[in-house]
Amino acid sequence: MEDSLNLVPNLNEMMEEYARLEEEVRQEPAMEEVPIETPEATTSPGQQPQTRKGKEKMVEEVEEFISNEAYSIWRRHYSNKGFVAERKFANPISPFTEMIEQSGWGTFYKHQKSGFAAIVKEFYANMVGRKDNTIYVRGVWVPYGTEAINKAFGMEGQKHGSKFKKLLKNPNKEKIARKLTDRKVKWGQGEGEQKVINRGDLTEEAKVWFYFLASVLVPTRHVCTVREQEAILLYAILKGYKLNAGAVIENSIMRYHEGNKRGLIPHPNTITVLCLKAGVKAKWDEEEEVPKTSPLTLTGVRHFQSC
């Protein structure tokens, strides 16, 4: 059946491939200064992209920001902001690890190394000048769409199942709320209805999977309530619908970019992997790593479930 989950036999090979990639990047020679032509559509006439100190750079240097607008966005929204990183597993935790393997999300079993803070912030700031699912980062156009994400983590060929596609087109909020909650919660936009679902109203099973969703697939610190997109994903997971992980992650990145940007910066580890695979040169002796988050543990799952 289209919506059934298949086991992935090459989990270890995926992890080894990522380790080899990291080692290869570390051994690359330092990048020579090369002239970079900033795309005309994103740069005002007579202006040059700026550095973080606000000074103009020489033409032959690689620009960090594709336009003055991107630099301004970096200063306003990202320069002093922290991250909410994807979390790894301390040890295999049932039922998470089984679901990850069956869904073909192998690399998320132990997850990536820590991301690089500056690269991730430049990535988000330069999204204002994105073209054809690519974003300019340090002289390289980095693919960030669904296919690029899936390829980066050995998840090629992933597609949303037909049942999940139908759910996305016409989500039945009453049906979703009934599946996720112990109580009869009125969830919607009408008078007397809740616009979000409170975590305390979730069933024990739904709490466990919300913990996974907010920690690994769509990282967020906003876990007191379940918002609409999270509720739809949570419902799909509980129903066993087939999900395209790359599409879910791309949508999460775009929602943050297009939103108010008040929360912490999500997906730093995933974005760093995309940038390094595309050829972005990391300054290995200078890059500040995104602070490590505590791994997922069975104790943490039980604590989250009891709240």
C-alpha atoms as a PDB file:
ATOM      1  CA  MET A   1       0.000   0.000   0.000  1.00  0.00           C
ATOM      2  CA  GLU A   2       1.148   3.523  -0.730  1.00  0.00           C
ATOM      3  CA  ASP A   3       0.825   4.694   2.871  1.00  0.00           C
ATOM      4  CA  SER A   4       2.591   1.721   4.432  1.00  0.00           C
ATOM      5  CA  LEU A   5       5.995   2.167   6.058  1.00  0.00           C
ATOM      6  CA  ASN A   6       9.038   0.287   4.786  1.00  0.00           C
ATOM      7  CA  LEU A   7      12.164  -0.633   6.746  1.00  0.00           C
ATOM      8  CA  VAL A   8      15.447   0.957   5.669  1.00  0.00           C
ATOM      9  CA  PRO A   9      18.268  -1.627   5.510  1.00  0.00           C
ATOM     10  CA  ASN A  10      21.194   0.860   5.034  1.00  0.00           C
ATOM     11  CA  LEU A  11      20.958   2.926   8.230  1.00  0.00           C
ATOM     12  CA  ASN A  12      24.604   2.316   9.144  1.00  0.00           C
ATOM     13  CA  GLU A  13      25.749   3.139   5.615  1.00  0.00           C
ATOM     14  CA  MET A  14      23.968   6.502   5.841  1.00  0.00           C
ATOM     15  CA  MET A  15      25.702   7.327   9.107  1.00  0.00           C
ATOM     16  CA  GLU A  16      29.095   6.293   7.699  1.00  0.00           C
ATOM     17  CA  GLU A  17      28.523   8.446   4.608  1.00  0.00           C
ATOM     18  CA  TYR A  18      27.822  11.487   6.781  1.00  0.00           C
ATOM     19  CA  ALA A  19      30.978  10.828   8.833  1.00  0.00           C
ATOM     20  CA  ARG A  20      33.027  10.586   5.618  1.00  0.00           C
ATOM     21  CA  LEU A  21      31.558  13.856   4.369  1.00  0.00           C
ATOM     22  CA  GLU A  22      32.493  15.659   7.561  1.00  0.00           C
ATOM     23  CA  GLU A  23      36.069  14.332   7.419  1.00  0.00           C
ATOM     24  CA  GLU A  24      36.448  15.324   3.751  1.00  0.00           C
ATOM     25  CA  VAL A  25      35.258  18.864   4.431  1.00  0.00           C
ATOM     26  CA  ARG A  26      37.679  19.219   7.336  1.00  0.00           C
ATOM     27  CA  GLN A  27      40.583  18.227   5.103  1.00  0.00           C
ATOM     28  CA  GLU A  28      39.762  20.659   2.296  1.00  0.00           C
ATOM     29  CA  PRO A  29      42.353  23.446   1.801  1.00  0.00           C
ATOM     30  CA  ALA A  30      41.494  27.001   2.744  1.00  0.00           C
ATOM     31  CA  MET A  31      39.493  28.782   0.073  1.00  0.00           C
ATOM     32  CA  GLU A  32      41.271  31.334  -2.068  1.00  0.00           C
ATOM     33  CA  GLU A  33      39.694  34.725  -2.493  1.00  0.00           C
ATOM     34  CA  VAL A  34      37.685  34.756  -5.713  1.00  0.00           C
ATOM     35  CA  PRO A  35      35.515  37.410  -7.331  1.00  0.00           C
ATOM     36  CA  ILE A  36      31.837  36.874  -6.584  1.00  0.00           C
ATOM     37  CA  GLU A  37      29.188  38.542  -8.692  1.00  0.00           C
ATOM     38  CA  THR A  38      26.207  39.453  -6.555  1.00  0.00           C
ATOM     39  CA  PRO A  39      22.945  38.835  -8.461  1.00  0.00           C
ATOM     40  CA  GLU A  40      21.515  42.059  -9.879  1.00  0.00           C
ATOM     41  CA  ALA A  41      17.993  41.384  -8.659  1.00  0.00           C
ATOM     42  CA  THR A  42      19.027  41.504  -5.019  1.00  0.00           C
ATOM     43  CA  THR A  43      21.454  44.452  -4.940  1.00  0.00           C
ATOM     44  CA  SER A  44      20.565  48.131  -5.202  1.00  0.00           C
ATOM     45  CA  PRO A  45      22.428  50.073  -7.936  1.00  0.00           C
ATOM     46  CA  GLY A  46      25.603  51.701  -6.662  1.00  0.00           C
ATOM     47  CA  GLN A  47      25.605  49.678  -3.432  1.00  0.00           C
ATOM     48  CA  GLN A  48      27.723  46.756  -2.308  1.00  0.00           C
ATOM     49  CA  PRO A  49      26.734  44.073   0.200  1.00  0.00           C
ATOM     50  CA  GLN A  50      27.981  44.822   3.684  1.00  0.00           C
ATOM     51  CA  THR A  51      30.005  42.955   6.247  1.00  0.00           C
ATOM     52  CA  ARG A  52      28.830  42.496   9.817  1.00  0.00           C
ATOM     53  CA  LYS A  53      30.735  45.636  10.834  1.00  0.00           C
ATOM     54  CA  GLY A  54      28.874  47.674   8.241  1.00  0.00           C
ATOM     55  CA  LYS A  55      31.966  48.310   6.083  1.00  0.00           C
ATOM     56  CA  GLU A  56      32.112  47.701   2.359  1.00  0.00           C
ATOM     57  CA  LYS A  57      34.217  44.713   1.295  1.00  0.00           C
ATOM     58  CA  MET A  58      36.593  44.446  -1.641  1.00  0.00           C
ATOM     59  CA  VAL A  59      35.063  43.031  -4.829  1.00  0.00           C
ATOM     60  CA  GLU A  60      37.347  39.992  -4.818  1.00  0.00           C
ATOM     61  CA  GLU A  61      36.143  38.853  -1.376  1.00  0.00           C
ATOM     62  CA  VAL A  62      33.243  36.482  -0.847  1.00  0.00           C
ATOM     63  CA  GLU A  63      30.273  38.430   0.479  1.00  0.00           C
ATOM     64  CA  GLU A  64      28.430  37.113   3.520  1.00  0.00           C
ATOM     65  CA  PHE A  65      25.154  38.794   2.593  1.00  0.00           C
ATOM     66  CA  ILE A  66      23.591  38.897  -0.824  1.00  0.00           C
ATOM     67  CA  SER A  67      22.229  42.423  -0.387  1.00  0.00           C
ATOM     68  CA  ASN A  68      22.005  45.299   2.037  1.00  0.00           C
ATOM     69  CA  GLU A  69      18.468  44.140   2.812  1.00  0.00           C
ATOM     70  CA  ALA A  70      19.788  40.727   3.867  1.00  0.00           C
ATOM     71  CA  TYR A  71      22.418  42.390   6.053  1.00  0.00           C
ATOM     72  CA  SER A  72      19.736  44.558   7.660  1.00  0.00           C
ATOM     73  CA  ILE A  73      17.589  41.478   8.356  1.00  0.00           C
ATOM     74  CA  TRP A  74      20.606  39.773   9.935  1.00  0.00           C
ATOM     75  CA  ARG A  75      21.184  42.743  12.227  1.00  0.00           C
ATOM     76  CA  ARG A  76      17.519  43.105  13.263  1.00  0.00           C
ATOM     77  CA  HIS A  77      16.517  39.482  13.652  1.00  0.00           C
ATOM     78  CA  TYR A  78      19.458  37.083  13.805  1.00  0.00           C
ATOM     79  CA  SER A  79      22.724  38.623  15.004  1.00  0.00           C
ATOM     80  CA  ASN A  80      22.053  38.088  18.727  1.00  0.00           C
ATOM     81  CA  LYS A  81      19.507  35.283  18.567  1.00  0.00           C
ATOM     82  CA  GLY A  82      19.902  31.755  19.903  1.00  0.00           C
ATOM     83  CA  PHE A  83      18.905  28.414  18.417  1.00  0.00           C
ATOM     84  CA  VAL A  84      16.569  25.517  19.009  1.00  0.00           C
ATOM     85  CA  ALA A  85      18.570  22.607  17.612  1.00  0.00           C
ATOM     86  CA  GLU A  86      17.480  19.157  16.567  1.00  0.00           C
ATOM     87  CA  ARG A  87      18.067  16.677  19.377  1.00  0.00           C
ATOM     88  CA  LYS A  88      19.698  13.271  19.075  1.00  0.00           C
ATOM     89  CA  PHE A  89      18.936  10.067  20.964  1.00  0.00           C
ATOM     90  CA  ALA A  90      21.092   9.042  23.907  1.00  0.00           C
ATOM     91  CA  ASN A  91      19.968   5.458  23.295  1.00  0.00           C
ATOM     92  CA  PRO A  92      17.329   3.832  21.084  1.00  0.00           C
ATOM     93  CA  ILE A  93      13.893   4.729  22.451  1.00  0.00           C
ATOM     94  CA  SER A  94      10.825   2.764  21.471  1.00  0.00           C
ATOM     95  CA  PRO A  95       8.600   3.623  19.635  1.00  0.00           C
ATOM     96  CA  PHE A  96      10.572   6.556  18.142  1.00  0.00           C
ATOM     97  CA  THR A  97      13.444   4.591  16.648  1.00  0.00           C
ATOM     98  CA  GLU A  98      11.132   2.005  15.065  1.00  0.00           C
ATOM     99  CA  MET A  99       9.052   4.745  13.441  1.00  0.00           C
ATOM    100  CA  ILE A 100      12.160   6.567  12.165  1.00  0.00           C
ATOM    101  CA  GLU A 101      13.563   3.410  10.584  1.00  0.00           C
ATOM    102  CA  GLN A 102      10.234   2.380   9.098  1.00  0.00           C
ATOM    103  CA  SER A 103       9.724   5.870   7.667  1.00  0.00           C
ATOM    104  CA  GLY A 104      13.153   5.944   6.038  1.00  0.00           C
ATOM    105  CA  TRP A 105      14.448   8.808   8.194  1.00  0.00           C
ATOM    106  CA  GLY A 106      17.639   6.930   9.048  1.00  0.00           C
ATOM    107  CA  THR A 107      19.986   9.818   9.819  1.00  0.00           C
ATOM    108  CA  PHE A 108      17.611  11.203  12.434  1.00  0.00           C
ATOM    109  CA  TYR A 109      18.242   8.043  14.469  1.00  0.00           C
ATOM    110  CA  LYS A 110      21.331   9.659  16.013  1.00  0.00           C
ATOM    111  CA  HIS A 111      21.234  12.945  14.126  1.00  0.00           C
ATOM    112  CA  GLN A 112      23.850  15.385  12.915  1.00  0.00           C
ATOM    113  CA  LYS A 113      26.774  17.069  14.583  1.00  0.00           C
ATOM    114  CA  SER A 114      26.262  20.578  15.959  1.00  0.00           C
ATOM    115  CA  GLY A 115      25.649  23.283  13.377  1.00  0.00           C
ATOM    116  CA  PHE A 116      27.725  26.412  12.774  1.00  0.00           C
ATOM    117  CA  ALA A 117      26.017  29.493  14.184  1.00  0.00           C
ATOM    118  CA  ALA A 118      27.269  32.113  11.698  1.00  0.00           C
ATOM    119  CA  ILE A 119      26.518  29.995   8.624  1.00  0.00           C
ATOM    120  CA  VAL A 120      22.962  29.300   9.799  1.00  0.00           C
ATOM    121  CA  LYS A 121      22.247  32.974  10.537  1.00  0.00           C
ATOM    122  CA  GLU A 122      23.622  34.015   7.138  1.00  0.00           C
ATOM    123  CA  PHE A 123      21.447  31.343   5.507  1.00  0.00           C
ATOM    124  CA  TYR A 124      18.259  32.701   7.074  1.00  0.00           C
ATOM    125  CA  ALA A 125      19.167  36.342   6.408  1.00  0.00           C
ATOM    126  CA  ASN A 126      19.898  35.616   2.733  1.00  0.00           C
ATOM    127  CA  MET A 127      16.550  33.860   2.238  1.00  0.00           C
ATOM    128  CA  VAL A 128      15.243  37.258   1.173  1.00  0.00           C
ATOM    129  CA  GLY A 129      17.164  36.761  -2.087  1.00  0.00           C
ATOM    130  CA  ARG A 130      16.447  33.063  -2.646  1.00  0.00           C
ATOM    131  CA  LYS A 131      16.099  31.752  -6.208  1.00  0.00           C
ATOM    132  CA  ASP A 132      14.709  28.442  -7.437  1.00  0.00           C
ATOM    133  CA  ASN A 133      14.949  26.735  -4.040  1.00  0.00           C
ATOM    134  CA  THR A 134      18.534  27.890  -3.538  1.00  0.00           C
ATOM    135  CA  ILE A 135      19.998  30.403  -1.091  1.00  0.00           C
ATOM    136  CA  TYR A 136      23.255  32.334  -1.397  1.00  0.00           C
ATOM    137  CA  VAL A 137      25.723  31.485   1.398  1.00  0.00           C
ATOM    138  CA  ARG A 138      29.350  32.652   1.215  1.00  0.00           C
ATOM    139  CA  GLY A 139      29.535  32.589  -2.558  1.00  0.00           C
ATOM    140  CA  VAL A 140      27.605  29.332  -3.021  1.00  0.00           C
ATOM    141  CA  TRP A 141      23.973  28.837  -4.020  1.00  0.00           C
ATOM    142  CA  VAL A 142      22.756  26.232  -1.527  1.00  0.00           C
ATOM    143  CA  PRO A 143      19.764  24.009  -2.433  1.00  0.00           C
ATOM    144  CA  TYR A 144      17.363  23.861   0.505  1.00  0.00           C
ATOM    145  CA  GLY A 145      14.167  22.338  -0.914  1.00  0.00           C
ATOM    146  CA  THR A 146      12.547  19.010  -0.193  1.00  0.00           C
ATOM    147  CA  GLU A 147      14.703  17.010  -2.615  1.00  0.00           C
ATOM    148  CA  ALA A 148      17.940  18.573  -1.339  1.00  0.00           C
ATOM    149  CA  ILE A 149      17.046  17.813   2.283  1.00  0.00           C
ATOM    150  CA  ASN A 150      16.097  14.226   1.520  1.00  0.00           C
ATOM    151  CA  LYS A 151      19.252  13.680  -0.532  1.00  0.00           C
ATOM    152  CA  ALA A 152      21.473  15.134   2.212  1.00  0.00           C
ATOM    153  CA  PHE A 153      20.219  12.522   4.657  1.00  0.00           C
ATOM    154  CA  GLY A 154      19.843   9.524   2.361  1.00  0.00           C
ATOM    155  CA  MET A 155      16.062   9.806   2.180  1.00  0.00           C
ATOM    156  CA  GLU A 156      15.658  10.006  -1.615  1.00  0.00           C
ATOM    157  CA  GLY A 157      12.315   9.003  -3.061  1.00  0.00           C
ATOM    158  CA  GLN A 158      10.243  10.086  -0.073  1.00  0.00           C
ATOM    159  CA  LYS A 159       6.698  11.231  -0.791  1.00  0.00           C
ATOM    160  CA  HIS A 160       3.667  12.135   1.254  1.00  0.00           C
ATOM    161  CA  GLY A 161       1.141   9.314   1.284  1.00  0.00           C
ATOM    162  CA  SER A 162      -2.264   9.886  -0.300  1.00  0.00           C
ATOM    163  CA  LYS A 163      -3.996   9.990   3.090  1.00  0.00           C
ATOM    164  CA  PHE A 164      -1.676  12.728   4.366  1.00  0.00           C
ATOM    165  CA  LYS A 165      -2.119  14.749   1.158  1.00  0.00           C
ATOM    166  CA  LYS A 166      -5.871  14.566   1.639  1.00  0.00           C
ATOM    167  CA  LEU A 167      -5.476  15.652   5.268  1.00  0.00           C
ATOM    168  CA  LEU A 168      -3.376  18.686   4.258  1.00  0.00           C
ATOM    169  CA  LYS A 169      -5.977  19.817   1.719  1.00  0.00           C
ATOM    170  CA  ASN A 170      -8.918  19.558   4.087  1.00  0.00           C
ATOM    171  CA  PRO A 171      -8.000  19.076   7.780  1.00  0.00           C
ATOM    172  CA  ASN A 172     -11.029  18.234   9.907  1.00  0.00           C
ATOM    173  CA  LYS A 173     -10.263  20.044  13.158  1.00  0.00           C
ATOM    174  CA  GLU A 174     -13.021  18.336  15.119  1.00  0.00           C
ATOM    175  CA  LYS A 175     -11.754  14.911  14.056  1.00  0.00           C
ATOM    176  CA  ILE A 176      -8.124  15.853  14.777  1.00  0.00           C
ATOM    177  CA  ALA A 177      -8.968  17.230  18.240  1.00  0.00           C
ATOM    178  CA  ARG A 178     -10.952  14.101  19.069  1.00  0.00           C
ATOM    179  CA  LYS A 179      -7.939  11.913  18.180  1.00  0.00           C
ATOM    180  CA  LEU A 180      -5.390  14.008  20.082  1.00  0.00           C
ATOM    181  CA  THR A 181      -7.267  14.789  23.295  1.00  0.00           C
ATOM    182  CA  ASP A 182      -8.862  13.021  26.232  1.00  0.00           C
ATOM    183  CA  ARG A 183     -11.528  15.689  26.460  1.00  0.00           C
ATOM    184  CA  LYS A 184     -14.003  17.050  23.960  1.00  0.00           C
ATOM    185  CA  VAL A 185     -11.981  20.101  22.975  1.00  0.00           C
ATOM    186  CA  LYS A 186     -13.554  22.726  20.747  1.00  0.00           C
ATOM    187  CA  TRP A 187     -10.689  23.645  18.444  1.00  0.00           C
ATOM    188  CA  GLY A 188     -11.097  26.164  15.641  1.00  0.00           C
ATOM    189  CA  GLN A 189     -11.461  29.874  14.923  1.00  0.00           C
ATOM    190  CA  GLY A 190     -15.091  30.334  15.967  1.00  0.00           C
ATOM    191  CA  GLU A 191     -16.469  31.974  19.104  1.00  0.00           C
ATOM    192  CA  GLY A 192     -15.848  29.873  22.205  1.00  0.00           C
ATOM    193  CA  GLU A 193     -13.337  27.666  20.396  1.00  0.00           C
ATOM    194  CA  GLN A 194      -9.666  27.242  21.271  1.00  0.00           C
ATOM    195  CA  LYS A 195      -7.225  28.439  18.603  1.00  0.00           C
ATOM    196  CA  VAL A 196      -4.628  25.957  19.890  1.00  0.00           C
ATOM    197  CA  ILE A 197      -4.744  22.670  21.775  1.00  0.00           C
ATOM    198  CA  ASN A 198      -3.288  22.786  25.269  1.00  0.00           C
ATOM    199  CA  ARG A 199      -0.636  20.169  25.951  1.00  0.00           C
ATOM    200  CA  GLY A 200      -2.460  19.148  29.124  1.00  0.00           C
ATOM    201  CA  ASP A 201      -5.463  18.100  27.007  1.00  0.00           C
ATOM    202  CA  LEU A 202      -3.432  15.646  24.910  1.00  0.00           C
ATOM    203  CA  THR A 203      -3.709  11.911  25.421  1.00  0.00           C
ATOM    204  CA  GLU A 204      -0.667  10.170  26.901  1.00  0.00           C
ATOM    205  CA  GLU A 205       0.219   8.750  23.493  1.00  0.00           C
ATOM    206  CA  ALA A 206      -0.142  12.145  21.797  1.00  0.00           C
ATOM    207  CA  LYS A 207       2.134  13.760  24.391  1.00  0.00           C
ATOM    208  CA  VAL A 208       4.877  11.237  23.666  1.00  0.00           C
ATOM    209  CA  TRP A 209       4.751  11.906  19.932  1.00  0.00           C
ATOM    210  CA  PHE A 210       4.507  15.680  20.437  1.00  0.00           C
ATOM    211  CA  TYR A 211       7.753  15.420  22.401  1.00  0.00           C
ATOM    212  CA  PHE A 212       9.366  13.671  19.423  1.00  0.00           C
ATOM    213  CA  LEU A 213       7.941  16.155  16.919  1.00  0.00           C
ATOM    214  CA  ALA A 214       9.089  19.218  18.891  1.00  0.00           C
ATOM    215  CA  SER A 215      12.540  17.732  19.546  1.00  0.00           C
ATOM    216  CA  VAL A 216      13.566  16.125  16.269  1.00  0.00           C
ATOM    217  CA  LEU A 217      11.434  16.779  13.197  1.00  0.00           C
ATOM    218  CA  VAL A 218      10.148  20.337  13.813  1.00  0.00           C
ATOM    219  CA  PRO A 219      12.278  21.632  16.714  1.00  0.00           C
ATOM    220  CA  THR A 220      10.582  24.191  18.945  1.00  0.00           C
ATOM    221  CA  ARG A 221      10.597  25.337  22.556  1.00  0.00           C
ATOM    222  CA  HIS A 222       6.925  26.263  22.247  1.00  0.00           C
ATOM    223  CA  VAL A 223       5.528  23.102  23.839  1.00  0.00           C
ATOM    224  CA  CYS A 224       2.793  24.383  26.159  1.00  0.00           C
ATOM    225  CA  THR A 225       0.309  24.375  23.298  1.00  0.00           C
ATOM    226  CA  VAL A 226      -0.033  22.555  19.978  1.00  0.00           C
ATOM    227  CA  ARG A 227      -0.523  24.861  17.000  1.00  0.00           C
ATOM    228  CA  GLU A 228      -2.427  23.939  13.861  1.00  0.00           C
ATOM    229  CA  GLN A 229       0.456  22.661  11.696  1.00  0.00           C
ATOM    230  CA  GLU A 230       1.869  20.674  14.605  1.00  0.00           C
ATOM    231  CA  ALA A 231      -1.555  19.178  15.346  1.00  0.00           C
ATOM    232  CA  ILE A 232      -1.944  18.046  11.739  1.00  0.00           C
ATOM    233  CA  LEU A 233       1.490  16.368  11.797  1.00  0.00           C
ATOM    234  CA  LEU A 234       0.786  14.814  15.188  1.00  0.00           C
ATOM    235  CA  TYR A 235      -2.517  13.423  13.960  1.00  0.00           C
ATOM    236  CA  ALA A 236      -0.811  11.977  10.876  1.00  0.00           C
ATOM    237  CA  ILE A 237       1.869  10.271  12.990  1.00  0.00           C
ATOM    238  CA  LEU A 238      -0.728   8.758  15.330  1.00  0.00           C
ATOM    239  CA  LYS A 239      -2.697   7.487  12.335  1.00  0.00           C
ATOM    240  CA  GLY A 240       0.440   6.009  10.761  1.00  0.00           C
ATOM    241  CA  TYR A 241       0.257   8.132   7.604  1.00  0.00           C
ATOM    242  CA  LYS A 242       3.313   8.210   5.373  1.00  0.00           C
ATOM    243  CA  LEU A 243       5.160  11.555   5.612  1.00  0.00           C
ATOM    244  CA  ASN A 244       7.881  13.100   3.467  1.00  0.00           C
ATOM    245  CA  ALA A 245      10.370  14.277   6.097  1.00  0.00           C
ATOM    246  CA  GLY A 246      12.160  16.633   3.688  1.00  0.00           C
ATOM    247  CA  ALA A 247       8.914  18.404   2.839  1.00  0.00           C
ATOM    248  CA  VAL A 248       7.998  18.740   6.519  1.00  0.00           C
ATOM    249  CA  ILE A 249      11.412  20.270   7.319  1.00  0.00           C
ATOM    250  CA  GLU A 250      11.351  22.630   4.318  1.00  0.00           C
ATOM    251  CA  ASN A 251       7.895  23.837   5.332  1.00  0.00           C
ATOM    252  CA  SER A 252       9.115  24.428   8.884  1.00  0.00           C
ATOM    253  CA  ILE A 253      12.097  26.473   7.651  1.00  0.00           C
ATOM    254  CA  MET A 254       9.855  28.574   5.395  1.00  0.00           C
ATOM    255  CA  ARG A 255       7.294  29.162   8.143  1.00  0.00           C
ATOM    256  CA  TYR A 256      10.012  30.551  10.391  1.00  0.00           C
ATOM    257  CA  HIS A 257      11.398  32.776   7.611  1.00  0.00           C
ATOM    258  CA  GLU A 258       7.964  34.129   6.713  1.00  0.00           C
ATOM    259  CA  GLY A 259       6.810  34.531  10.329  1.00  0.00           C
ATOM    260  CA  ASN A 260       7.599  37.178  12.928  1.00  0.00           C
ATOM    261  CA  LYS A 261      11.008  35.620  13.735  1.00  0.00           C
ATOM    262  CA  ARG A 262      10.462  36.080  17.478  1.00  0.00           C
ATOM    263  CA  GLY A 263      11.341  32.542  18.440  1.00  0.00           C
ATOM    264  CA  LEU A 264      14.709  30.824  18.481  1.00  0.00           C
ATOM    265  CA  ILE A 265      16.268  29.858  15.144  1.00  0.00           C
ATOM    266  CA  PRO A 266      15.251  26.284  14.150  1.00  0.00           C
ATOM    267  CA  HIS A 267      16.994  23.516  12.176  1.00  0.00           C
ATOM    268  CA  PRO A 268      20.606  24.745  12.619  1.00  0.00           C
ATOM    269  CA  ASN A 269      22.158  21.290  12.275  1.00  0.00           C
ATOM    270  CA  THR A 270      20.193  20.411   9.140  1.00  0.00           C
ATOM    271  CA  ILE A 271      20.999  23.769   7.504  1.00  0.00           C
ATOM    272  CA  THR A 272      24.706  23.370   8.263  1.00  0.00           C
ATOM    273  CA  VAL A 273      24.712  19.945   6.567  1.00  0.00           C
ATOM    274  CA  LEU A 274      22.993  21.419   3.477  1.00  0.00           C
ATOM    275  CA  CYS A 275      25.547  24.235   3.283  1.00  0.00           C
ATOM    276  CA  LEU A 276      28.603  21.974   3.670  1.00  0.00           C
ATOM    277  CA  LYS A 277      27.300  19.498   1.102  1.00  0.00           C
ATOM    278  CA  ALA A 278      26.757  22.362  -1.364  1.00  0.00           C
ATOM    279  CA  GLY A 279      30.386  23.462  -0.968  1.00  0.00           C
ATOM    280  CA  VAL A 280      30.172  26.338   1.517  1.00  0.00           C
ATOM    281  CA  LYS A 281      33.600  26.787   3.063  1.00  0.00           C
ATOM    282  CA  ALA A 282      33.570  26.687   6.840  1.00  0.00           C
ATOM    283  CA  LYS A 283      36.312  28.495   8.745  1.00  0.00           C
ATOM    284  CA  TRP A 284      36.971  25.479  10.919  1.00  0.00           C
ATOM    285  CA  ASP A 285      39.206  27.246  13.449  1.00  0.00           C
ATOM    286  CA  GLU A 286      36.825  30.195  13.805  1.00  0.00           C
ATOM    287  CA  GLU A 287      33.308  28.834  13.481  1.00  0.00           C
ATOM    288  CA  GLU A 288      31.219  28.975  16.648  1.00  0.00           C
ATOM    289  CA  GLU A 289      29.191  25.810  17.087  1.00  0.00           C
ATOM    290  CA  VAL A 290      25.510  25.923  17.939  1.00  0.00           C
ATOM    291  CA  PRO A 291      25.228  25.004  21.649  1.00  0.00           C
ATOM    292  CA  LYS A 292      24.577  21.303  22.093  1.00  0.00           C
ATOM    293  CA  THR A 293      21.157  20.292  23.360  1.00  0.00           C
ATOM    294  CA  SER A 294      20.573  17.480  25.807  1.00  0.00           C
ATOM    295  CA  PRO A 295      19.769  14.192  24.043  1.00  0.00           C
ATOM    296  CA  LEU A 296      16.387  12.524  24.098  1.00  0.00           C
ATOM    297  CA  THR A 297      16.099  10.064  26.956  1.00  0.00           C
ATOM    298  CA  LEU A 298      13.391   7.771  28.243  1.00  0.00           C
ATOM    299  CA  THR A 299      13.350   9.804  31.479  1.00  0.00           C
ATOM    300  CA  GLY A 300      12.726  12.971  29.480  1.00  0.00           C
ATOM    301  CA  VAL A 301       9.893  11.311  27.572  1.00  0.00           C
ATOM    302  CA  ARG A 302       8.220  10.195  30.789  1.00  0.00           C
ATOM    303  CA  HIS A 303       8.613  13.636  32.365  1.00  0.00           C
ATOM    304  CA  PHE A 304       7.084  15.328  29.322  1.00  0.00           C
ATOM    305  CA  GLN A 305       4.254  12.797  29.338  1.00  0.00           C
ATOM    306  CA  SER A 306       3.456  13.442  33.010  1.00  0.00           C
ATOM    307  CA  CYS A 307       3.122  17.241  32.614  1.00  0.00           C
END
